[in-house]
Structures are given as C-alpha cells and as structure tokens.
Amino acid sequence: MPTLNVAGWWDQEDFYGPIKIYELLEKHDTKHENFLVVGPWNHGGWSRGTEPHARPRRFRPAIPRPITAAT
C-alpha cells in the first residue's frame, strides 16, 4: 500500500515520528511505495494551504514534478 510520510522542519509536536515510521516501513518496502516528504512547515502546516506561511517558495532552482502529480 502506498504510504506518504510528511514531516516539517519546524514541527513543534513531533519531527522524528514520520522519519522513524518511514525508516521502519522502508525495510519491508519491496514495491517501492514508501515515501517521505520533509519541508519548511510546522505541525500540520503542509495541509493548511490558506494560511499566509503556506504560500509557494522556491528553495531550489526547479522541481521536476509536483508532489500531487500522478506517478
């Protein structure tokens, strides 16, 4: 089953939880369906697209494909 683990650099609740879950699932992921996204947001900030701090920012020259794009 595809799994997306999301962590935020400024997560005041639990930064290491999603990383640990990813690490544990990765050991058994023979289909390569385990993914980890870590970005510049706080706890749950990635899901609140209407807040001012959630506006698009460029942290590198180009992103090959948005995370929401179908694989």
PDB file of N, CA and C in Angstrom:
ATOM      1  N   MET A   1       0.842  -1.168   0.000  1.00  0.00           N
ATOM      2  CA  MET A   1       0.000   0.000   0.000  1.00  0.00           C
ATOM      3  C   MET A   1       0.893   1.239   0.000  1.00  0.00           C
ATOM      4  N   PRO A   2       0.690   2.163  -0.930  1.00  0.00           N
ATOM      5  CA  PRO A   2       1.489   3.389  -0.948  1.00  0.00           C
ATOM      6  C   PRO A   2       1.324   4.181   0.342  1.00  0.00           C
ATOM      7  N   THR A   3       2.438   4.665   0.859  1.00  0.00           N
ATOM      8  CA  THR A   3       2.429   5.417   2.111  1.00  0.00           C
ATOM      9  C   THR A   3       3.237   6.693   1.934  1.00  0.00           C
ATOM     10  N   LEU A   4       2.654   7.837   2.304  1.00  0.00           N
ATOM     11  CA  LEU A   4       3.341   9.118   2.261  1.00  0.00           C
ATOM     12  C   LEU A   4       3.511   9.611   3.691  1.00  0.00           C
ATOM     13  N   ASN A   5       4.742   9.723   4.143  1.00  0.00           N
ATOM     14  CA  ASN A   5       5.064  10.243   5.473  1.00  0.00           C
ATOM     15  C   ASN A   5       5.495  11.690   5.303  1.00  0.00           C
ATOM     16  N   VAL A   6       4.907  12.596   6.062  1.00  0.00           N
ATOM     17  CA  VAL A   6       5.185  14.025   5.924  1.00  0.00           C
ATOM     18  C   VAL A   6       5.724  14.563   7.241  1.00  0.00           C
ATOM     19  N   ALA A   7       6.846  15.276   7.171  1.00  0.00           N
ATOM     20  CA  ALA A   7       7.443  15.915   8.348  1.00  0.00           C
ATOM     21  C   ALA A   7       7.753  17.365   8.009  1.00  0.00           C
ATOM     22  N   GLY A   8       7.728  18.214   9.019  1.00  0.00           N
ATOM     23  CA  GLY A   8       8.052  19.626   8.831  1.00  0.00           C
ATOM     24  C   GLY A   8       9.300  19.992   9.608  1.00  0.00           C
ATOM     25  N   TRP A   9      10.148  20.809   9.003  1.00  0.00           N
ATOM     26  CA  TRP A   9      11.394  21.209   9.665  1.00  0.00           C
ATOM     27  C   TRP A   9      11.125  21.892  11.003  1.00  0.00           C
ATOM     28  N   TRP A  10      10.003  22.611  11.103  1.00  0.00           N
ATOM     29  CA  TRP A  10       9.681  23.340  12.332  1.00  0.00           C
ATOM     30  C   TRP A  10       8.491  22.710  13.046  1.00  0.00           C
ATOM     31  N   ASP A  11       8.394  21.404  13.009  1.00  0.00           N
ATOM     32  CA  ASP A  11       7.291  20.700  13.672  1.00  0.00           C
ATOM     33  C   ASP A  11       7.515  20.710  15.176  1.00  0.00           C
ATOM     34  N   GLN A  12       6.717  21.478  15.881  1.00  0.00           N
ATOM     35  CA  GLN A  12       6.862  21.597  17.328  1.00  0.00           C
ATOM     36  C   GLN A  12       6.282  20.396  18.066  1.00  0.00           C
ATOM     37  N   GLU A  13       5.539  19.545  17.379  1.00  0.00           N
ATOM     38  CA  GLU A  13       4.915  18.386  18.013  1.00  0.00           C
ATOM     39  C   GLU A  13       5.800  17.146  17.933  1.00  0.00           C
ATOM     40  N   ASP A  14       6.206  16.768  16.713  1.00  0.00           N
ATOM     41  CA  ASP A  14       6.947  15.514  16.558  1.00  0.00           C
ATOM     42  C   ASP A  14       7.647  15.462  15.205  1.00  0.00           C
ATOM     43  N   PHE A  15       8.869  15.948  15.137  1.00  0.00           N
ATOM     44  CA  PHE A  15       9.623  15.907  13.884  1.00  0.00           C
ATOM     45  C   PHE A  15      10.087  14.488  13.556  1.00  0.00           C
ATOM     46  N   TYR A  16      10.486  13.727  14.559  1.00  0.00           N
ATOM     47  CA  TYR A  16      11.111  12.425  14.321  1.00  0.00           C
ATOM     48  C   TYR A  16      10.124  11.277  14.085  1.00  0.00           C
ATOM     49  N   GLY A  17       8.863  11.435  14.440  1.00  0.00           N
ATOM     50  CA  GLY A  17       7.866  10.378  14.248  1.00  0.00           C
ATOM     51  C   GLY A  17       7.728   9.938  12.804  1.00  0.00           C
ATOM     52  N   PRO A  18       7.441  10.859  11.869  1.00  0.00           N
ATOM     53  CA  PRO A  18       7.304  10.466  10.466  1.00  0.00           C
ATOM     54  C   PRO A  18       8.591   9.867   9.889  1.00  0.00           C
ATOM     55  N   ILE A  19       9.730  10.371  10.331  1.00  0.00           N
ATOM     56  CA  ILE A  19      11.003   9.846   9.842  1.00  0.00           C
ATOM     57  C   ILE A  19      11.217   8.417  10.334  1.00  0.00           C
ATOM     58  N   LYS A  20      10.882   8.157  11.585  1.00  0.00           N
ATOM     59  CA  LYS A  20      11.020   6.810  12.139  1.00  0.00           C
ATOM     60  C   LYS A  20      10.051   5.837  11.458  1.00  0.00           C
ATOM     61  N   ILE A  21       8.814   6.275  11.236  1.00  0.00           N
ATOM     62  CA  ILE A  21       7.837   5.431  10.546  1.00  0.00           C
ATOM     63  C   ILE A  21       8.349   5.090   9.147  1.00  0.00           C
ATOM     64  N   TYR A  22       8.850   6.104   8.436  1.00  0.00           N
ATOM     65  CA  TYR A  22       9.404   5.874   7.096  1.00  0.00           C
ATOM     66  C   TYR A  22      10.547   4.858   7.165  1.00  0.00           C
ATOM     67  N   GLU A  23      11.448   5.051   8.106  1.00  0.00           N
ATOM     68  CA  GLU A  23      12.601   4.163   8.255  1.00  0.00           C
ATOM     69  C   GLU A  23      12.168   2.710   8.497  1.00  0.00           C
ATOM     70  N   LEU A  24      11.197   2.508   9.367  1.00  0.00           N
ATOM     71  CA  LEU A  24      10.735   1.155   9.679  1.00  0.00           C
ATOM     72  C   LEU A  24      10.004   0.510   8.494  1.00  0.00           C
ATOM     73  N   LEU A  25       9.162   1.286   7.807  1.00  0.00           N
ATOM     74  CA  LEU A  25       8.442   0.742   6.656  1.00  0.00           C
ATOM     75  C   LEU A  25       9.375   0.468   5.471  1.00  0.00           C
ATOM     76  N   GLU A  26      10.405   1.290   5.338  1.00  0.00           N
ATOM     77  CA  GLU A  26      11.327   1.165   4.212  1.00  0.00           C
ATOM     78  C   GLU A  26      12.030  -0.197   4.191  1.00  0.00           C
ATOM     79  N   LYS A  27      12.269  -0.765   5.352  1.00  0.00           N
ATOM     80  CA  LYS A  27      12.932  -2.073   5.446  1.00  0.00           C
ATOM     81  C   LYS A  27      12.126  -3.182   4.772  1.00  0.00           C
ATOM     82  N   HIS A  28      10.812  -3.009   4.675  1.00  0.00           N
ATOM     83  CA  HIS A  28       9.931  -4.039   4.128  1.00  0.00           C
ATOM     84  C   HIS A  28       9.256  -3.611   2.828  1.00  0.00           C
ATOM     85  N   ASP A  29       9.676  -2.500   2.261  1.00  0.00           N
ATOM     86  CA  ASP A  29       9.023  -1.933   1.084  1.00  0.00           C
ATOM     87  C   ASP A  29       9.602  -2.507  -0.205  1.00  0.00           C
ATOM     88  N   THR A  30       9.168  -3.686  -0.580  1.00  0.00           N
ATOM     89  CA  THR A  30       9.686  -4.341  -1.788  1.00  0.00           C
ATOM     90  C   THR A  30       9.111  -3.746  -3.069  1.00  0.00           C
ATOM     91  N   LYS A  31       7.973  -3.057  -2.965  1.00  0.00           N
ATOM     92  CA  LYS A  31       7.336  -2.456  -4.150  1.00  0.00           C
ATOM     93  C   LYS A  31       7.718  -0.981  -4.341  1.00  0.00           C
ATOM     94  N   HIS A  32       8.530  -0.445  -3.446  1.00  0.00           N
ATOM     95  CA  HIS A  32       8.965   0.958  -3.509  1.00  0.00           C
ATOM     96  C   HIS A  32       7.772   1.915  -3.478  1.00  0.00           C
ATOM     97  N   GLU A  33       6.897   1.704  -2.485  1.00  0.00           N
ATOM     98  CA  GLU A  33       5.702   2.537  -2.332  1.00  0.00           C
ATOM     99  C   GLU A  33       5.716   3.337  -1.030  1.00  0.00           C
ATOM    100  N   ASN A  34       6.855   3.451  -0.410  1.00  0.00           N
ATOM    101  CA  ASN A  34       7.008   4.193   0.843  1.00  0.00           C
ATOM    102  C   ASN A  34       7.737   5.495   0.521  1.00  0.00           C
ATOM    103  N   PHE A  35       7.131   6.631   0.885  1.00  0.00           N
ATOM    104  CA  PHE A  35       7.696   7.927   0.523  1.00  0.00           C
ATOM    105  C   PHE A  35       7.786   8.832   1.745  1.00  0.00           C
ATOM    106  N   LEU A  36       8.764   9.735   1.715  1.00  0.00           N
ATOM    107  CA  LEU A  36       8.962  10.705   2.796  1.00  0.00           C
ATOM    108  C   LEU A  36       9.116  12.089   2.188  1.00  0.00           C
ATOM    109  N   VAL A  37       8.351  13.036   2.718  1.00  0.00           N
ATOM    110  CA  VAL A  37       8.464  14.434   2.311  1.00  0.00           C
ATOM    111  C   VAL A  37       8.735  15.241   3.569  1.00  0.00           C
ATOM    112  N   VAL A  38       9.811  16.032   3.548  1.00  0.00           N
ATOM    113  CA  VAL A  38      10.141  16.920   4.658  1.00  0.00           C
ATOM    114  C   VAL A  38      10.256  18.317   4.072  1.00  0.00           C
ATOM    115  N   GLY A  39       9.540  19.266   4.662  1.00  0.00           N
ATOM    116  CA  GLY A  39       9.543  20.603   4.088  1.00  0.00           C
ATOM    117  C   GLY A  39       9.481  21.704   5.122  1.00  0.00           C
ATOM    118  N   PRO A  40       9.442  22.941   4.642  1.00  0.00           N
ATOM    119  CA  PRO A  40       9.512  24.124   5.515  1.00  0.00           C
ATOM    120  C   PRO A  40       8.164  24.521   6.107  1.00  0.00           C
ATOM    121  N   TRP A  41       7.625  23.684   6.986  1.00  0.00           N
ATOM    122  CA  TRP A  41       6.352  23.993   7.633  1.00  0.00           C
ATOM    123  C   TRP A  41       6.370  23.488   9.063  1.00  0.00           C
ATOM    124  N   ASN A  42       5.382  23.905   9.840  1.00  0.00           N
ATOM    125  CA  ASN A  42       5.270  23.436  11.224  1.00  0.00           C
ATOM    126  C   ASN A  42       4.280  22.272  11.274  1.00  0.00           C
ATOM    127  N   HIS A  43       3.866  21.884  12.465  1.00  0.00           N
ATOM    128  CA  HIS A  43       2.991  20.719  12.626  1.00  0.00           C
ATOM    129  C   HIS A  43       1.663  20.928  11.901  1.00  0.00           C
ATOM    130  N   GLY A  44       1.430  20.159  10.852  1.00  0.00           N
ATOM    131  CA  GLY A  44       0.199  20.270  10.079  1.00  0.00           C
ATOM    132  C   GLY A  44       0.182  21.426   9.097  1.00  0.00           C
ATOM    133  N   GLY A  45       1.213  22.235   9.074  1.00  0.00           N
ATOM    134  CA  GLY A  45       1.254  23.406   8.203  1.00  0.00           C
ATOM    135  C   GLY A  45       1.186  23.080   6.726  1.00  0.00           C
ATOM    136  N   TRP A  46       1.631  21.911   6.339  1.00  0.00           N
ATOM    137  CA  TRP A  46       1.598  21.496   4.931  1.00  0.00           C
ATOM    138  C   TRP A  46       0.167  21.301   4.443  1.00  0.00           C
ATOM    139  N   SER A  47      -0.776  21.058   5.350  1.00  0.00           N
ATOM    140  CA  SER A  47      -2.151  20.773   4.921  1.00  0.00           C
ATOM    141  C   SER A  47      -3.044  22.008   4.932  1.00  0.00           C
ATOM    142  N   ARG A  48      -2.546  23.113   5.440  1.00  0.00           N
ATOM    143  CA  ARG A  48      -3.356  24.333   5.523  1.00  0.00           C
ATOM    144  C   ARG A  48      -2.935  25.309   4.437  1.00  0.00           C
ATOM    145  N   GLY A  49      -3.401  25.071   3.234  1.00  0.00           N
ATOM    146  CA  GLY A  49      -2.993  25.883   2.096  1.00  0.00           C
ATOM    147  C   GLY A  49      -3.501  27.307   2.099  1.00  0.00           C
ATOM    148  N   THR A  50      -4.371  27.657   3.041  1.00  0.00           N
ATOM    149  CA  THR A  50      -4.931  29.017   3.043  1.00  0.00           C
ATOM    150  C   THR A  50      -4.153  29.968   3.957  1.00  0.00           C
ATOM    151  N   GLU A  51      -3.243  29.469   4.742  1.00  0.00           N
ATOM    152  CA  GLU A  51      -2.502  30.334   5.659  1.00  0.00           C
ATOM    153  C   GLU A  51      -1.374  31.052   4.919  1.00  0.00           C
ATOM    154  N   PRO A  52      -1.039  32.266   5.365  1.00  0.00           N
ATOM    155  CA  PRO A  52      -0.004  33.051   4.669  1.00  0.00           C
ATOM    156  C   PRO A  52       1.343  32.329   4.570  1.00  0.00           C
ATOM    157  N   HIS A  53       1.730  31.580   5.582  1.00  0.00           N
ATOM    158  CA  HIS A  53       3.041  30.926   5.550  1.00  0.00           C
ATOM    159  C   HIS A  53       3.065  29.726   4.606  1.00  0.00           C
ATOM    160  N   ALA A  54       1.926  29.352   4.040  1.00  0.00           N
ATOM    161  CA  ALA A  54       1.866  28.189   3.156  1.00  0.00           C
ATOM    162  C   ALA A  54       2.005  28.576   1.686  1.00  0.00           C
ATOM    163  N   ARG A  55       2.327  29.842   1.421  1.00  0.00           N
ATOM    164  CA  ARG A  55       2.462  30.261   0.024  1.00  0.00           C
ATOM    165  C   ARG A  55       3.683  29.583  -0.622  1.00  0.00           C
ATOM    166  N   PRO A  56       3.665  29.426  -1.924  1.00  0.00           N
ATOM    167  CA  PRO A  56       4.778  28.767  -2.616  1.00  0.00           C
ATOM    168  C   PRO A  56       6.097  29.502  -2.412  1.00  0.00           C
ATOM    169  N   ARG A  57       7.160  28.753  -2.210  1.00  0.00           N
ATOM    170  CA  ARG A  57       8.502  29.304  -2.067  1.00  0.00           C
ATOM    171  C   ARG A  57       9.453  28.450  -2.888  1.00  0.00           C
ATOM    172  N   ARG A  58      10.495  29.058  -3.398  1.00  0.00           N
ATOM    173  CA  ARG A  58      11.491  28.314  -4.167  1.00  0.00           C
ATOM    174  C   ARG A  58      12.726  28.111  -3.304  1.00  0.00           C
ATOM    175  N   PHE A  59      13.041  26.851  -3.023  1.00  0.00           N
ATOM    176  CA  PHE A  59      14.209  26.513  -2.233  1.00  0.00           C
ATOM    177  C   PHE A  59      15.303  25.883  -3.083  1.00  0.00           C
ATOM    178  N   ARG A  60      15.007  25.643  -4.345  1.00  0.00           N
ATOM    179  CA  ARG A  60      15.990  25.143  -5.303  1.00  0.00           C
ATOM    180  C   ARG A  60      15.551  25.614  -6.678  1.00  0.00           C
ATOM    181  N   PRO A  61      16.412  25.550  -7.680  1.00  0.00           N
ATOM    182  CA  PRO A  61      16.077  26.120  -8.989  1.00  0.00           C
ATOM    183  C   PRO A  61      14.805  25.578  -9.626  1.00  0.00           C
ATOM    184  N   ALA A  62      14.583  24.277  -9.562  1.00  0.00           N
ATOM    185  CA  ALA A  62      13.404  23.721 -10.221  1.00  0.00           C
ATOM    186  C   ALA A  62      13.014  22.405  -9.559  1.00  0.00           C
ATOM    187  N   ILE A  63      11.734  22.134  -9.537  1.00  0.00           N
ATOM    188  CA  ILE A  63      11.224  20.871  -9.015  1.00  0.00           C
ATOM    189  C   ILE A  63      10.747  20.067 -10.218  1.00  0.00           C
ATOM    190  N   PRO A  64      11.250  18.836 -10.392  1.00  0.00           N
ATOM    191  CA  PRO A  64      10.902  18.061 -11.578  1.00  0.00           C
ATOM    192  C   PRO A  64       9.406  17.808 -11.752  1.00  0.00           C
ATOM    193  N   ARG A  65       8.703  17.551 -10.644  1.00  0.00           N
ATOM    194  CA  ARG A  65       7.284  17.241 -10.740  1.00  0.00           C
ATOM    195  C   ARG A  65       6.644  17.528  -9.392  1.00  0.00           C
ATOM    196  N   PRO A  66       5.495  18.205  -9.363  1.00  0.00           N
ATOM    197  CA  PRO A  66       4.826  18.469  -8.079  1.00  0.00           C
ATOM    198  C   PRO A  66       4.480  17.174  -7.351  1.00  0.00           C
ATOM    199  N   ILE A  67       4.450  17.239  -6.029  1.00  0.00           N
ATOM    200  CA  ILE A  67       4.149  16.051  -5.223  1.00  0.00           C
ATOM    201  C   ILE A  67       2.750  15.526  -5.496  1.00  0.00           C
ATOM    202  N   THR A  68       1.847  16.387  -5.949  1.00  0.00           N
ATOM    203  CA  THR A  68       0.473  15.961  -6.203  1.00  0.00           C
ATOM    204  C   THR A  68       0.310  15.316  -7.575  1.00  0.00           C
ATOM    205  N   ALA A  69       1.364  15.336  -8.402  1.00  0.00           N
ATOM    206  CA  ALA A  69       1.263  14.753  -9.742  1.00  0.00           C
ATOM    207  C   ALA A  69       1.173  13.236  -9.664  1.00  0.00           C
ATOM    208  N   ALA A  70       0.401  12.670 -10.558  1.00  0.00           N
ATOM    209  CA  ALA A  70       0.279  11.211 -10.609  1.00  0.00           C
ATOM    210  C   ALA A  70       1.588  10.597 -11.067  1.00  0.00           C
ATOM    211  N   THR A  71       1.922   9.466 -10.508  1.00  0.00           N
ATOM    212  CA  THR A  71       3.174   8.801 -10.881  1.00  0.00           C
ATOM    213  C   THR A  71       2.982   7.890 -12.067  1.00  0.00           C
TER     214      THR A  71
END
